[in-house]
Each structure stands twice: as structure tokens, then as C-alpha cells.
Amino acid sequence: LAHELRWEVLEAVSKTGGHLSSSLGVIELTVALHYVFDMPEDDIIWDVSHQCYPHKILTGRRDKMSGLRQLGGISGFCKRKE
């Protein structure tokens, strides 16, 4: 799963730009948090909100990552309304 998430993040950021190192740095942590906690019932507060790309992928927004940081697309930061 971590390997798949890495490629998803790399693919999205390579097309639209974004925060690569911070997202790659929390891949394993994100997988562990999703394993231990009940998402989306339990809240996660990210140290830096642009660490949330793997979380967005795991919470049903994978298909929206192609519009990352684009007008009308998914935000490059955490947004509760997404």
C-alpha cells in the first residue's frame, strides 16, 4: 500500500506541482494511522497541512488528485469541506 501511495503522490505532483517531500515523508505514518484509527470518524491533525496528500488518497479522493492545486480541483492543503 505504501508503495502504491508513493506512486500516486509522485504522479499527481509531477503533473500539477505541489508539496512532494512532506507528503512522501508521511506515507507509512498515514497508512498506520488509517489502520489504527477509524477514519473518517477520528480526526487527524497534521503538523503541516501539505502532508495530507496520502490521507486524501486513502479517504476516497484518489480520482480527484489529478486536479490537485488546480482551479476547481482538490486543495494542496487540508480542507474540512473536501
PDB file of N, CA and C in Angstrom:
ATOM      1  N   LEU A   1       0.825  -1.189   0.000  1.00  0.00           N
ATOM      2  CA  LEU A   1       0.000   0.000   0.000  1.00  0.00           C
ATOM      3  C   LEU A   1       0.871   1.255   0.000  1.00  0.00           C
ATOM      4  N   ALA A   2       1.913   1.261   0.811  1.00  0.00           N
ATOM      5  CA  ALA A   2       2.804   2.431   0.872  1.00  0.00           C
ATOM      6  C   ALA A   2       3.449   2.690  -0.485  1.00  0.00           C
ATOM      7  N   HIS A   3       3.864   1.635  -1.149  1.00  0.00           N
ATOM      8  CA  HIS A   3       4.469   1.781  -2.479  1.00  0.00           C
ATOM      9  C   HIS A   3       3.464   2.397  -3.460  1.00  0.00           C
ATOM     10  N   GLU A   4       2.242   1.922  -3.433  1.00  0.00           N
ATOM     11  CA  GLU A   4       1.189   2.444  -4.304  1.00  0.00           C
ATOM     12  C   GLU A   4       0.912   3.927  -4.012  1.00  0.00           C
ATOM     13  N   LEU A   5       0.847   4.272  -2.743  1.00  0.00           N
ATOM     14  CA  LEU A   5       0.623   5.673  -2.371  1.00  0.00           C
ATOM     15  C   LEU A   5       1.756   6.576  -2.845  1.00  0.00           C
ATOM     16  N   ARG A   6       2.993   6.083  -2.721  1.00  0.00           N
ATOM     17  CA  ARG A   6       4.137   6.870  -3.194  1.00  0.00           C
ATOM     18  C   ARG A   6       3.994   7.216  -4.669  1.00  0.00           C
ATOM     19  N   TRP A   7       3.638   6.225  -5.470  1.00  0.00           N
ATOM     20  CA  TRP A   7       3.481   6.457  -6.905  1.00  0.00           C
ATOM     21  C   TRP A   7       2.322   7.390  -7.205  1.00  0.00           C
ATOM     22  N   GLU A   8       1.232   7.261  -6.474  1.00  0.00           N
ATOM     23  CA  GLU A   8       0.077   8.150  -6.667  1.00  0.00           C
ATOM     24  C   GLU A   8       0.472   9.604  -6.376  1.00  0.00           C
ATOM     25  N   VAL A   9       1.178   9.814  -5.271  1.00  0.00           N
ATOM     26  CA  VAL A   9       1.617  11.167  -4.905  1.00  0.00           C
ATOM     27  C   VAL A   9       2.592  11.698  -5.950  1.00  0.00           C
ATOM     28  N   LEU A  10       3.568  10.878  -6.338  1.00  0.00           N
ATOM     29  CA  LEU A  10       4.541  11.306  -7.359  1.00  0.00           C
ATOM     30  C   LEU A  10       3.856  11.671  -8.668  1.00  0.00           C
ATOM     31  N   GLU A  11       2.899  10.872  -9.074  1.00  0.00           N
ATOM     32  CA  GLU A  11       2.192  11.132 -10.327  1.00  0.00           C
ATOM     33  C   GLU A  11       1.415  12.446 -10.260  1.00  0.00           C
ATOM     34  N   ALA A  12       0.680  12.656  -9.180  1.00  0.00           N
ATOM     35  CA  ALA A  12      -0.117  13.878  -9.042  1.00  0.00           C
ATOM     36  C   ALA A  12       0.769  15.120  -8.997  1.00  0.00           C
ATOM     37  N   VAL A  13       1.814  15.079  -8.195  1.00  0.00           N
ATOM     38  CA  VAL A  13       2.681  16.249  -8.027  1.00  0.00           C
ATOM     39  C   VAL A  13       3.484  16.524  -9.296  1.00  0.00           C
ATOM     40  N   SER A  14       3.852  15.487 -10.022  1.00  0.00           N
ATOM     41  CA  SER A  14       4.625  15.702 -11.252  1.00  0.00           C
ATOM     42  C   SER A  14       3.797  16.401 -12.326  1.00  0.00           C
ATOM     43  N   LYS A  15       2.473  16.278 -12.249  1.00  0.00           N
ATOM     44  CA  LYS A  15       1.606  16.899 -13.250  1.00  0.00           C
ATOM     45  C   LYS A  15       1.172  18.313 -12.864  1.00  0.00           C
ATOM     46  N   THR A  16       0.948  18.534 -11.584  1.00  0.00           N
ATOM     47  CA  THR A  16       0.353  19.811 -11.179  1.00  0.00           C
ATOM     48  C   THR A  16       1.215  20.615 -10.221  1.00  0.00           C
ATOM     49  N   GLY A  17       2.315  20.043  -9.778  1.00  0.00           N
ATOM     50  CA  GLY A  17       3.124  20.705  -8.754  1.00  0.00           C
ATOM     51  C   GLY A  17       2.527  20.433  -7.392  1.00  0.00           C
ATOM     52  N   GLY A  18       3.291  20.758  -6.376  1.00  0.00           N
ATOM     53  CA  GLY A  18       2.781  20.536  -5.025  1.00  0.00           C
ATOM     54  C   GLY A  18       3.897  20.222  -4.064  1.00  0.00           C
ATOM     55  N   HIS A  19       3.536  19.756  -2.925  1.00  0.00           N
ATOM     56  CA  HIS A  19       4.469  19.512  -1.829  1.00  0.00           C
ATOM     57  C   HIS A  19       4.857  18.036  -1.819  1.00  0.00           C
ATOM     58  N   LEU A  20       5.960  17.731  -2.431  1.00  0.00           N
ATOM     59  CA  LEU A  20       6.349  16.334  -2.608  1.00  0.00           C
ATOM     60  C   LEU A  20       6.997  15.736  -1.367  1.00  0.00           C
ATOM     61  N   SER A  21       8.055  16.346  -0.855  1.00  0.00           N
ATOM     62  CA  SER A  21       8.819  15.707   0.216  1.00  0.00           C
ATOM     63  C   SER A  21       7.999  15.542   1.494  1.00  0.00           C
ATOM     64  N   SER A  22       7.197  16.519   1.837  1.00  0.00           N
ATOM     65  CA  SER A  22       6.401  16.393   3.064  1.00  0.00           C
ATOM     66  C   SER A  22       5.371  15.276   2.944  1.00  0.00           C
ATOM     67  N   SER A  23       4.797  15.100   1.773  1.00  0.00           N
ATOM     68  CA  SER A  23       3.821  14.023   1.572  1.00  0.00           C
ATOM     69  C   SER A  23       4.496  12.660   1.554  1.00  0.00           C
ATOM     70  N   LEU A  24       5.639  12.564   0.883  1.00  0.00           N
ATOM     71  CA  LEU A  24       6.352  11.285   0.845  1.00  0.00           C
ATOM     72  C   LEU A  24       6.860  10.891   2.230  1.00  0.00           C
ATOM     73  N   GLY A  25       7.183  11.889   3.037  1.00  0.00           N
ATOM     74  CA  GLY A  25       7.720  11.630   4.368  1.00  0.00           C
ATOM     75  C   GLY A  25       6.722  11.044   5.351  1.00  0.00           C
ATOM     76  N   VAL A  26       5.443  11.123   5.033  1.00  0.00           N
ATOM     77  CA  VAL A  26       4.431  10.627   5.969  1.00  0.00           C
ATOM     78  C   VAL A  26       3.609   9.464   5.416  1.00  0.00           C
ATOM     79  N   ILE A  27       4.087   8.838   4.352  1.00  0.00           N
ATOM     80  CA  ILE A  27       3.331   7.727   3.746  1.00  0.00           C
ATOM     81  C   ILE A  27       3.076   6.611   4.761  1.00  0.00           C
ATOM     82  N   GLU A  28       4.130   6.084   5.366  1.00  0.00           N
ATOM     83  CA  GLU A  28       3.975   4.969   6.304  1.00  0.00           C
ATOM     84  C   GLU A  28       3.169   5.391   7.526  1.00  0.00           C
ATOM     85  N   LEU A  29       3.397   6.613   8.003  1.00  0.00           N
ATOM     86  CA  LEU A  29       2.647   7.135   9.135  1.00  0.00           C
ATOM     87  C   LEU A  29       1.158   7.194   8.799  1.00  0.00           C
ATOM     88  N   THR A  30       0.822   7.653   7.612  1.00  0.00           N
ATOM     89  CA  THR A  30      -0.574   7.756   7.192  1.00  0.00           C
ATOM     90  C   THR A  30      -1.228   6.383   7.124  1.00  0.00           C
ATOM     91  N   VAL A  31      -0.534   5.417   6.559  1.00  0.00           N
ATOM     92  CA  VAL A  31      -1.072   4.051   6.492  1.00  0.00           C
ATOM     93  C   VAL A  31      -1.310   3.514   7.908  1.00  0.00           C
ATOM     94  N   ALA A  32      -0.374   3.740   8.810  1.00  0.00           N
ATOM     95  CA  ALA A  32      -0.509   3.274  10.191  1.00  0.00           C
ATOM     96  C   ALA A  32      -1.685   3.953  10.889  1.00  0.00           C
ATOM     97  N   LEU A  33      -1.837   5.260  10.694  1.00  0.00           N
ATOM     98  CA  LEU A  33      -2.947   5.979  11.312  1.00  0.00           C
ATOM     99  C   LEU A  33      -4.292   5.456  10.819  1.00  0.00           C
ATOM    100  N   HIS A  34      -4.365   5.162   9.539  1.00  0.00           N
ATOM    101  CA  HIS A  34      -5.613   4.641   8.982  1.00  0.00           C
ATOM    102  C   HIS A  34      -5.895   3.214   9.452  1.00  0.00           C
ATOM    103  N   TYR A  35      -4.859   2.478   9.763  1.00  0.00           N
ATOM    104  CA  TYR A  35      -5.029   1.123  10.276  1.00  0.00           C
ATOM    105  C   TYR A  35      -5.533   1.150  11.726  1.00  0.00           C
ATOM    106  N   VAL A  36      -4.980   2.066  12.516  1.00  0.00           N
ATOM    107  CA  VAL A  36      -5.273   2.115  13.948  1.00  0.00           C
ATOM    108  C   VAL A  36      -6.571   2.860  14.264  1.00  0.00           C
ATOM    109  N   PHE A  37      -6.811   3.950  13.562  1.00  0.00           N
ATOM    110  CA  PHE A  37      -7.966   4.786  13.868  1.00  0.00           C
ATOM    111  C   PHE A  37      -9.107   4.547  12.890  1.00  0.00           C
ATOM    112  N   ASP A  38     -10.287   5.010  13.266  1.00  0.00           N
ATOM    113  CA  ASP A  38     -11.496   4.839  12.473  1.00  0.00           C
ATOM    114  C   ASP A  38     -11.728   6.091  11.633  1.00  0.00           C
ATOM    115  N   MET A  39     -11.229   6.064  10.416  1.00  0.00           N
ATOM    116  CA  MET A  39     -11.404   7.202   9.525  1.00  0.00           C
ATOM    117  C   MET A  39     -12.738   7.075   8.808  1.00  0.00           C
ATOM    118  N   PRO A  40     -13.516   8.084   8.634  1.00  0.00           N
ATOM    119  CA  PRO A  40     -13.265   9.488   8.955  1.00  0.00           C
ATOM    120  C   PRO A  40     -13.823   9.913  10.311  1.00  0.00           C
ATOM    121  N   GLU A  41     -14.262   8.962  11.128  1.00  0.00           N
ATOM    122  CA  GLU A  41     -14.807   9.326  12.445  1.00  0.00           C
ATOM    123  C   GLU A  41     -13.767   9.991  13.333  1.00  0.00           C
ATOM    124  N   ASP A  42     -12.554   9.457  13.348  1.00  0.00           N
ATOM    125  CA  ASP A  42     -11.478  10.041  14.157  1.00  0.00           C
ATOM    126  C   ASP A  42     -10.795  11.135  13.350  1.00  0.00           C
ATOM    127  N   ASP A  43     -10.487  12.228  14.015  1.00  0.00           N
ATOM    128  CA  ASP A  43      -9.818  13.349  13.351  1.00  0.00           C
ATOM    129  C   ASP A  43      -8.309  13.190  13.403  1.00  0.00           C
ATOM    130  N   ILE A  44      -7.657  13.637  12.342  1.00  0.00           N
ATOM    131  CA  ILE A  44      -6.200  13.715  12.301  1.00  0.00           C
ATOM    132  C   ILE A  44      -5.849  15.182  12.157  1.00  0.00           C
ATOM    133  N   ILE A  45      -4.907  15.637  12.952  1.00  0.00           N
ATOM    134  CA  ILE A  45      -4.395  16.994  12.801  1.00  0.00           C
ATOM    135  C   ILE A  45      -2.965  16.867  12.329  1.00  0.00           C
ATOM    136  N   TRP A  46      -2.701  17.353  11.121  1.00  0.00           N
ATOM    137  CA  TRP A  46      -1.374  17.254  10.529  1.00  0.00           C
ATOM    138  C   TRP A  46      -0.496  18.406  11.018  1.00  0.00           C
ATOM    139  N   ASP A  47       0.768  18.109  11.270  1.00  0.00           N
ATOM    140  CA  ASP A  47       1.736  19.113  11.688  1.00  0.00           C
ATOM    141  C   ASP A  47       1.828  20.224  10.636  1.00  0.00           C
ATOM    142  N   VAL A  48       1.908  19.829   9.403  1.00  0.00           N
ATOM    143  CA  VAL A  48       1.924  20.741   8.263  1.00  0.00           C
ATOM    144  C   VAL A  48       0.856  20.219   7.313  1.00  0.00           C
ATOM    145  N   SER A  49      -0.083  21.055   6.941  1.00  0.00           N
ATOM    146  CA  SER A  49      -1.244  20.522   6.228  1.00  0.00           C
ATOM    147  C   SER A  49      -0.931  19.991   4.842  1.00  0.00           C
ATOM    148  N   HIS A  50       0.217  20.312   4.259  1.00  0.00           N
ATOM    149  CA  HIS A  50       0.503  19.726   2.959  1.00  0.00           C
ATOM    150  C   HIS A  50       1.110  18.327   3.079  1.00  0.00           C
ATOM    151  N   GLN A  51       1.036  17.739   4.269  1.00  0.00           N
ATOM    152  CA  GLN A  51       1.385  16.330   4.456  1.00  0.00           C
ATOM    153  C   GLN A  51       0.188  15.435   4.171  1.00  0.00           C
ATOM    154  N   CYS A  52      -0.928  15.998   3.795  1.00  0.00           N
ATOM    155  CA  CYS A  52      -2.177  15.241   3.745  1.00  0.00           C
ATOM    156  C   CYS A  52      -2.463  14.564   2.400  1.00  0.00           C
ATOM    157  N   TYR A  53      -1.594  14.657   1.413  1.00  0.00           N
ATOM    158  CA  TYR A  53      -1.888  14.027   0.116  1.00  0.00           C
ATOM    159  C   TYR A  53      -2.172  12.533   0.246  1.00  0.00           C
ATOM    160  N   PRO A  54      -1.347  11.750   0.975  1.00  0.00           N
ATOM    161  CA  PRO A  54      -1.668  10.314   1.112  1.00  0.00           C
ATOM    162  C   PRO A  54      -3.007  10.092   1.821  1.00  0.00           C
ATOM    163  N   HIS A  55      -3.310  10.923   2.793  1.00  0.00           N
ATOM    164  CA  HIS A  55      -4.581  10.825   3.508  1.00  0.00           C
ATOM    165  C   HIS A  55      -5.754  11.078   2.555  1.00  0.00           C
ATOM    166  N   LYS A  56      -5.608  12.056   1.690  1.00  0.00           N
ATOM    167  CA  LYS A  56      -6.676  12.352   0.729  1.00  0.00           C
ATOM    168  C   LYS A  56      -6.909  11.163  -0.205  1.00  0.00           C
ATOM    169  N   ILE A  57      -5.837  10.517  -0.610  1.00  0.00           N
ATOM    170  CA  ILE A  57      -5.958   9.350  -1.492  1.00  0.00           C
ATOM    171  C   ILE A  57      -6.694   8.219  -0.774  1.00  0.00           C
ATOM    172  N   LEU A  58      -6.341   7.978   0.488  1.00  0.00           N
ATOM    173  CA  LEU A  58      -6.942   6.881   1.249  1.00  0.00           C
ATOM    174  C   LEU A  58      -8.375   7.152   1.679  1.00  0.00           C
ATOM    175  N   THR A  59      -8.810   8.392   1.616  1.00  0.00           N
ATOM    176  CA  THR A  59     -10.160   8.724   2.068  1.00  0.00           C
ATOM    177  C   THR A  59     -11.092   9.022   0.903  1.00  0.00           C
ATOM    178  N   GLY A  60     -10.860   8.366  -0.212  1.00  0.00           N
ATOM    179  CA  GLY A  60     -11.810   8.418  -1.315  1.00  0.00           C
ATOM    180  C   GLY A  60     -11.637   9.553  -2.297  1.00  0.00           C
ATOM    181  N   ARG A  61     -10.498  10.230  -2.257  1.00  0.00           N
ATOM    182  CA  ARG A  61     -10.297  11.347  -3.180  1.00  0.00           C
ATOM    183  C   ARG A  61      -9.217  11.050  -4.220  1.00  0.00           C
ATOM    184  N   ARG A  62      -8.908   9.787  -4.385  1.00  0.00           N
ATOM    185  CA  ARG A  62      -7.878   9.369  -5.339  1.00  0.00           C
ATOM    186  C   ARG A  62      -8.165   9.892  -6.743  1.00  0.00           C
ATOM    187  N   ASP A  63      -9.405   9.792  -7.176  1.00  0.00           N
ATOM    188  CA  ASP A  63      -9.764  10.219  -8.529  1.00  0.00           C
ATOM    189  C   ASP A  63      -9.676  11.728  -8.720  1.00  0.00           C
ATOM    190  N   LYS A  64      -9.629  12.484  -7.634  1.00  0.00           N
ATOM    191  CA  LYS A  64      -9.538  13.944  -7.713  1.00  0.00           C
ATOM    192  C   LYS A  64      -8.097  14.450  -7.680  1.00  0.00           C
ATOM    193  N   MET A  65      -7.140  13.580  -7.423  1.00  0.00           N
ATOM    194  CA  MET A  65      -5.746  14.007  -7.296  1.00  0.00           C
ATOM    195  C   MET A  65      -5.180  14.568  -8.598  1.00  0.00           C
ATOM    196  N   SER A  66      -5.753  14.212  -9.726  1.00  0.00           N
ATOM    197  CA  SER A  66      -5.272  14.760 -10.999  1.00  0.00           C
ATOM    198  C   SER A  66      -5.558  16.261 -11.099  1.00  0.00           C
ATOM    199  N   GLY A  67      -6.485  16.747 -10.281  1.00  0.00           N
ATOM    200  CA  GLY A  67      -6.796  18.174 -10.254  1.00  0.00           C
ATOM    201  C   GLY A  67      -6.185  18.888  -9.066  1.00  0.00           C
ATOM    202  N   LEU A  68      -5.174  18.272  -8.463  1.00  0.00           N
ATOM    203  CA  LEU A  68      -4.504  18.834  -7.298  1.00  0.00           C
ATOM    204  C   LEU A  68      -3.998  20.247  -7.586  1.00  0.00           C
ATOM    205  N   ARG A  69      -4.389  21.187  -6.731  1.00  0.00           N
ATOM    206  CA  ARG A  69      -3.942  22.580  -6.809  1.00  0.00           C
ATOM    207  C   ARG A  69      -4.355  23.281  -8.105  1.00  0.00           C
ATOM    208  N   GLN A  70      -5.371  22.770  -8.764  1.00  0.00           N
ATOM    209  CA  GLN A  70      -5.880  23.384  -9.989  1.00  0.00           C
ATOM    210  C   GLN A  70      -7.216  24.066  -9.683  1.00  0.00           C
ATOM    211  N   LEU A  71      -7.564  25.057 -10.484  1.00  0.00           N
ATOM    212  CA  LEU A  71      -8.828  25.756 -10.321  1.00  0.00           C
ATOM    213  C   LEU A  71      -9.980  24.754 -10.369  1.00  0.00           C
ATOM    214  N   GLY A  72     -10.779  24.734  -9.328  1.00  0.00           N
ATOM    215  CA  GLY A  72     -11.891  23.803  -9.243  1.00  0.00           C
ATOM    216  C   GLY A  72     -11.500  22.405  -8.793  1.00  0.00           C
ATOM    217  N   GLY A  73     -10.208  22.185  -8.563  1.00  0.00           N
ATOM    218  CA  GLY A  73      -9.722  20.869  -8.161  1.00  0.00           C
ATOM    219  C   GLY A  73      -9.514  20.765  -6.658  1.00  0.00           C
ATOM    220  N   ILE A  74      -8.892  19.690  -6.260  1.00  0.00           N
ATOM    221  CA  ILE A  74      -8.637  19.420  -4.849  1.00  0.00           C
ATOM    222  C   ILE A  74      -7.513  20.331  -4.345  1.00  0.00           C
ATOM    223  N   SER A  75      -7.624  20.734  -3.103  1.00  0.00           N
ATOM    224  CA  SER A  75      -6.669  21.661  -2.497  1.00  0.00           C
ATOM    225  C   SER A  75      -5.330  20.985  -2.216  1.00  0.00           C
ATOM    226  N   GLY A  76      -4.276  21.770  -2.231  1.00  0.00           N
ATOM    227  CA  GLY A  76      -2.956  21.281  -1.856  1.00  0.00           C
ATOM    228  C   GLY A  76      -2.761  21.238  -0.355  1.00  0.00           C
ATOM    229  N   PHE A  77      -3.748  21.690   0.379  1.00  0.00           N
ATOM    230  CA  PHE A  77      -3.710  21.695   1.833  1.00  0.00           C
ATOM    231  C   PHE A  77      -4.960  21.012   2.372  1.00  0.00           C
ATOM    232  N   CYS A  78      -5.014  20.811   3.674  1.00  0.00           N
ATOM    233  CA  CYS A  78      -6.188  20.198   4.296  1.00  0.00           C
ATOM    234  C   CYS A  78      -7.351  21.179   4.252  1.00  0.00           C
ATOM    235  N   LYS A  79      -8.508  20.667   3.863  1.00  0.00           N
ATOM    236  CA  LYS A  79      -9.738  21.453   3.897  1.00  0.00           C
ATOM    237  C   LYS A  79     -10.841  20.553   4.406  1.00  0.00           C
ATOM    238  N   ARG A  80     -11.466  20.921   5.490  1.00  0.00           N
ATOM    239  CA  ARG A  80     -12.515  20.091   6.087  1.00  0.00           C
ATOM    240  C   ARG A  80     -13.685  19.850   5.142  1.00  0.00           C
ATOM    241  N   LYS A  81     -13.977  20.811   4.273  1.00  0.00           N
ATOM    242  CA  LYS A  81     -15.150  20.650   3.401  1.00  0.00           C
ATOM    243  C   LYS A  81     -14.890  19.756   2.200  1.00  0.00           C
ATOM    244  N   GLU A  82     -13.672  19.296   2.001  1.00  0.00           N
ATOM    245  CA  GLU A  82     -13.408  18.389   0.868  1.00  0.00           C
ATOM    246  C   GLU A  82     -13.852  16.984   1.201  1.00  0.00           C
TER     247      GLU A  82
END
